[in-house]
Amino acid sequence: MDEKTMVSDTLASINGELVRYGEMIPQTENAQLKQTLKQFRNQCETSQEEIYQIARAKQYYVPAAKATREEIDHVRSILTQG
């Protein structure tokens, strides 16, 4: 397995963990557990950002082009309707 694949797999795994934390946090009533899950999520987000920066630096990941003002306005109008 090459480095690019490992970085990509790591990012995908971390992103999956973030999704799961996002699902678990609002579903728990236990305040201590909720806080612990938030701490884990925050650590996970930090790791994701670090790996993302490595991937960008090594050109393993190239982000999509930035949205135009028109695209942003269009999405905003859809989300603010009704």
N, C-alpha and C. Protein backbone atom coordinates (compact mmCIF):
# COMPACT_ATOMS: atom_id res chain seq x y z
N MET A 1 0.85 -1.17 0.00
CA MET A 1 0.00 0.00 0.00
C MET A 1 0.91 1.24 0.00
N ASP A 2 0.62 2.17 -0.87
CA ASP A 2 1.45 3.37 -0.95
C ASP A 2 0.94 4.46 0.00
N GLU A 3 1.77 5.48 0.18
CA GLU A 3 1.46 6.55 1.13
C GLU A 3 0.17 7.29 0.76
N LYS A 4 -0.02 7.56 -0.52
CA LYS A 4 -1.21 8.28 -0.96
C LYS A 4 -2.48 7.51 -0.57
N THR A 5 -2.47 6.22 -0.75
CA THR A 5 -3.62 5.38 -0.40
C THR A 5 -3.85 5.38 1.11
N MET A 6 -2.77 5.31 1.86
CA MET A 6 -2.90 5.31 3.32
C MET A 6 -3.48 6.64 3.82
N VAL A 7 -3.02 7.74 3.26
CA VAL A 7 -3.54 9.05 3.66
C VAL A 7 -5.02 9.15 3.30
N SER A 8 -5.35 8.71 2.10
CA SER A 8 -6.75 8.76 1.66
C SER A 8 -7.64 7.88 2.54
N ASP A 9 -7.19 6.69 2.83
CA ASP A 9 -7.96 5.79 3.70
C ASP A 9 -8.12 6.37 5.10
N THR A 10 -7.07 7.00 5.61
CA THR A 10 -7.13 7.61 6.93
C THR A 10 -8.15 8.73 6.96
N LEU A 11 -8.13 9.59 5.93
CA LEU A 11 -9.12 10.67 5.85
C LEU A 11 -10.54 10.12 5.79
N ALA A 12 -10.74 9.10 4.98
CA ALA A 12 -12.08 8.51 4.86
C ALA A 12 -12.53 7.92 6.20
N SER A 13 -11.62 7.29 6.90
CA SER A 13 -11.95 6.70 8.20
C SER A 13 -12.31 7.78 9.22
N ILE A 14 -11.50 8.83 9.27
CA ILE A 14 -11.77 9.92 10.21
C ILE A 14 -13.10 10.59 9.88
N ASN A 15 -13.36 10.80 8.60
CA ASN A 15 -14.63 11.42 8.21
C ASN A 15 -15.81 10.56 8.64
N GLY A 16 -15.66 9.25 8.54
CA GLY A 16 -16.70 8.34 9.01
C GLY A 16 -16.92 8.45 10.51
N GLU A 17 -15.82 8.57 11.26
CA GLU A 17 -15.94 8.74 12.71
C GLU A 17 -16.67 10.03 13.04
N LEU A 18 -16.36 11.09 12.32
CA LEU A 18 -17.02 12.38 12.56
C LEU A 18 -18.53 12.27 12.32
N VAL A 19 -18.91 11.54 11.31
CA VAL A 19 -20.34 11.34 11.03
C VAL A 19 -20.99 10.60 12.20
N ARG A 20 -20.33 9.56 12.68
CA ARG A 20 -20.90 8.78 13.79
C ARG A 20 -21.02 9.63 15.06
N TYR A 21 -20.00 10.44 15.35
CA TYR A 21 -20.10 11.32 16.52
C TYR A 21 -21.26 12.30 16.34
N GLY A 22 -21.42 12.81 15.15
CA GLY A 22 -22.51 13.73 14.87
C GLY A 22 -23.87 13.09 15.07
N GLU A 23 -23.95 11.80 14.88
CA GLU A 23 -25.21 11.07 15.11
C GLU A 23 -25.41 10.75 16.59
N MET A 24 -24.32 10.42 17.28
CA MET A 24 -24.43 9.98 18.68
C MET A 24 -24.67 11.13 19.65
N ILE A 25 -23.98 12.23 19.44
CA ILE A 25 -24.02 13.33 20.42
C ILE A 25 -25.45 13.80 20.71
N PRO A 26 -26.26 14.10 19.70
CA PRO A 26 -27.60 14.61 20.03
C PRO A 26 -28.55 13.52 20.55
N GLN A 27 -28.15 12.26 20.46
CA GLN A 27 -29.05 11.19 20.87
C GLN A 27 -28.86 10.76 22.32
N THR A 28 -27.79 11.22 22.95
CA THR A 28 -27.57 10.80 24.34
C THR A 28 -28.14 11.82 25.31
N GLU A 29 -28.71 11.32 26.39
CA GLU A 29 -29.25 12.19 27.44
C GLU A 29 -28.25 12.37 28.57
N ASN A 30 -27.26 11.51 28.63
CA ASN A 30 -26.27 11.56 29.69
C ASN A 30 -25.28 12.69 29.41
N ALA A 31 -25.28 13.70 30.26
CA ALA A 31 -24.47 14.90 30.04
C ALA A 31 -22.97 14.58 30.02
N GLN A 32 -22.53 13.69 30.88
CA GLN A 32 -21.11 13.34 30.92
C GLN A 32 -20.70 12.60 29.65
N LEU A 33 -21.53 11.67 29.20
CA LEU A 33 -21.24 10.96 27.96
C LEU A 33 -21.26 11.93 26.78
N LYS A 34 -22.21 12.83 26.76
CA LYS A 34 -22.30 13.81 25.68
C LYS A 34 -21.02 14.64 25.62
N GLN A 35 -20.53 15.10 26.78
CA GLN A 35 -19.31 15.89 26.83
C GLN A 35 -18.11 15.08 26.36
N THR A 36 -18.04 13.83 26.77
CA THR A 36 -16.94 12.96 26.35
C THR A 36 -16.96 12.76 24.84
N LEU A 37 -18.13 12.52 24.27
CA LEU A 37 -18.25 12.35 22.83
C LEU A 37 -17.84 13.63 22.09
N LYS A 38 -18.19 14.78 22.64
CA LYS A 38 -17.79 16.06 22.03
C LYS A 38 -16.27 16.22 22.05
N GLN A 39 -15.64 15.80 23.15
CA GLN A 39 -14.19 15.86 23.23
C GLN A 39 -13.55 14.94 22.19
N PHE A 40 -14.08 13.74 22.07
CA PHE A 40 -13.58 12.80 21.05
C PHE A 40 -13.77 13.39 19.65
N ARG A 41 -14.94 13.98 19.41
CA ARG A 41 -15.20 14.59 18.11
C ARG A 41 -14.21 15.71 17.82
N ASN A 42 -13.94 16.55 18.81
CA ASN A 42 -13.01 17.65 18.63
C ASN A 42 -11.60 17.14 18.32
N GLN A 43 -11.18 16.09 19.01
CA GLN A 43 -9.87 15.49 18.74
C GLN A 43 -9.84 14.91 17.33
N CYS A 44 -10.93 14.30 16.94
CA CYS A 44 -11.06 13.72 15.61
C CYS A 44 -10.98 14.81 14.54
N GLU A 45 -11.64 15.93 14.78
CA GLU A 45 -11.60 17.04 13.84
C GLU A 45 -10.18 17.59 13.70
N THR A 46 -9.46 17.66 14.81
CA THR A 46 -8.07 18.12 14.77
C THR A 46 -7.23 17.16 13.94
N SER A 47 -7.40 15.87 14.15
CA SER A 47 -6.66 14.88 13.37
C SER A 47 -7.01 14.97 11.89
N GLN A 48 -8.29 15.16 11.60
CA GLN A 48 -8.73 15.28 10.22
C GLN A 48 -8.06 16.46 9.54
N GLU A 49 -8.00 17.59 10.23
CA GLU A 49 -7.37 18.78 9.67
C GLU A 49 -5.88 18.57 9.43
N GLU A 50 -5.20 17.89 10.36
CA GLU A 50 -3.77 17.62 10.20
C GLU A 50 -3.51 16.71 8.99
N ILE A 51 -4.29 15.65 8.87
CA ILE A 51 -4.12 14.73 7.74
C ILE A 51 -4.49 15.42 6.44
N TYR A 52 -5.53 16.24 6.46
CA TYR A 52 -5.93 16.99 5.27
C TYR A 52 -4.79 17.90 4.81
N GLN A 53 -4.15 18.59 5.75
CA GLN A 53 -3.04 19.48 5.39
C GLN A 53 -1.87 18.70 4.79
N ILE A 54 -1.61 17.53 5.31
CA ILE A 54 -0.56 16.67 4.73
C ILE A 54 -0.94 16.28 3.31
N ALA A 55 -2.19 15.86 3.13
CA ALA A 55 -2.66 15.46 1.81
C ALA A 55 -2.56 16.62 0.81
N ARG A 56 -2.92 17.81 1.24
CA ARG A 56 -2.83 19.00 0.37
C ARG A 56 -1.37 19.29 0.02
N ALA A 57 -0.51 19.25 1.02
CA ALA A 57 0.91 19.57 0.82
C ALA A 57 1.57 18.61 -0.16
N LYS A 58 1.17 17.35 -0.10
CA LYS A 58 1.75 16.33 -0.98
C LYS A 58 0.97 16.18 -2.28
N GLN A 59 -0.04 17.01 -2.44
CA GLN A 59 -0.91 17.00 -3.62
C GLN A 59 -1.62 15.65 -3.81
N TYR A 60 -1.92 15.01 -2.68
CA TYR A 60 -2.73 13.78 -2.71
C TYR A 60 -4.20 14.14 -2.80
N TYR A 61 -4.52 15.35 -2.41
CA TYR A 61 -5.90 15.81 -2.42
C TYR A 61 -5.94 17.21 -3.02
N VAL A 62 -6.77 17.38 -3.99
CA VAL A 62 -6.97 18.69 -4.60
C VAL A 62 -8.44 19.04 -4.42
N PRO A 63 -8.72 20.10 -3.65
CA PRO A 63 -10.11 20.45 -3.38
C PRO A 63 -10.82 20.93 -4.63
N ALA A 64 -12.12 20.85 -4.59
CA ALA A 64 -12.94 21.35 -5.69
C ALA A 64 -12.77 22.86 -5.80
N ALA A 65 -13.08 23.37 -6.96
CA ALA A 65 -13.00 24.82 -7.17
C ALA A 65 -13.97 25.52 -6.23
N LYS A 66 -13.61 26.73 -5.84
CA LYS A 66 -14.48 27.50 -4.95
C LYS A 66 -15.76 27.88 -5.68
N ALA A 67 -16.83 27.91 -4.92
CA ALA A 67 -18.13 28.27 -5.49
C ALA A 67 -18.14 29.74 -5.89
N THR A 68 -18.84 30.01 -6.96
CA THR A 68 -18.99 31.41 -7.39
C THR A 68 -20.03 32.09 -6.51
N ARG A 69 -20.06 33.40 -6.54
CA ARG A 69 -21.04 34.18 -5.78
C ARG A 69 -22.45 33.75 -6.18
N GLU A 70 -22.66 33.53 -7.48
CA GLU A 70 -23.99 33.13 -7.96
C GLU A 70 -24.40 31.77 -7.39
N GLU A 71 -23.46 30.84 -7.34
CA GLU A 71 -23.77 29.52 -6.77
C GLU A 71 -24.10 29.63 -5.29
N ILE A 72 -23.35 30.44 -4.58
CA ILE A 72 -23.60 30.64 -3.15
C ILE A 72 -24.97 31.26 -2.94
N ASP A 73 -25.27 32.29 -3.71
CA ASP A 73 -26.57 32.96 -3.59
C ASP A 73 -27.71 32.01 -3.92
N HIS A 74 -27.51 31.17 -4.92
CA HIS A 74 -28.55 30.21 -5.32
C HIS A 74 -28.84 29.22 -4.17
N VAL A 75 -27.79 28.67 -3.59
CA VAL A 75 -27.98 27.73 -2.48
C VAL A 75 -28.60 28.43 -1.28
N ARG A 76 -28.14 29.65 -1.01
CA ARG A 76 -28.71 30.41 0.10
C ARG A 76 -30.22 30.61 -0.10
N SER A 77 -30.60 30.94 -1.33
CA SER A 77 -32.03 31.18 -1.60
C SER A 77 -32.85 29.91 -1.42
N ILE A 78 -32.29 28.78 -1.80
CA ILE A 78 -32.98 27.50 -1.62
C ILE A 78 -33.15 27.20 -0.14
N LEU A 79 -32.11 27.43 0.63
CA LEU A 79 -32.14 27.07 2.06
C LEU A 79 -32.99 28.03 2.89
N THR A 80 -33.17 29.24 2.43
CA THR A 80 -33.96 30.20 3.20
C THR A 80 -35.43 30.22 2.81
N GLN A 81 -35.79 29.47 1.77
CA GLN A 81 -37.21 29.39 1.40
C GLN A 81 -37.92 28.49 2.41
N GLY A 82 -39.07 28.93 2.83
CA GLY A 82 -39.96 28.24 3.61
C GLY A 82 -39.90 27.36 4.67
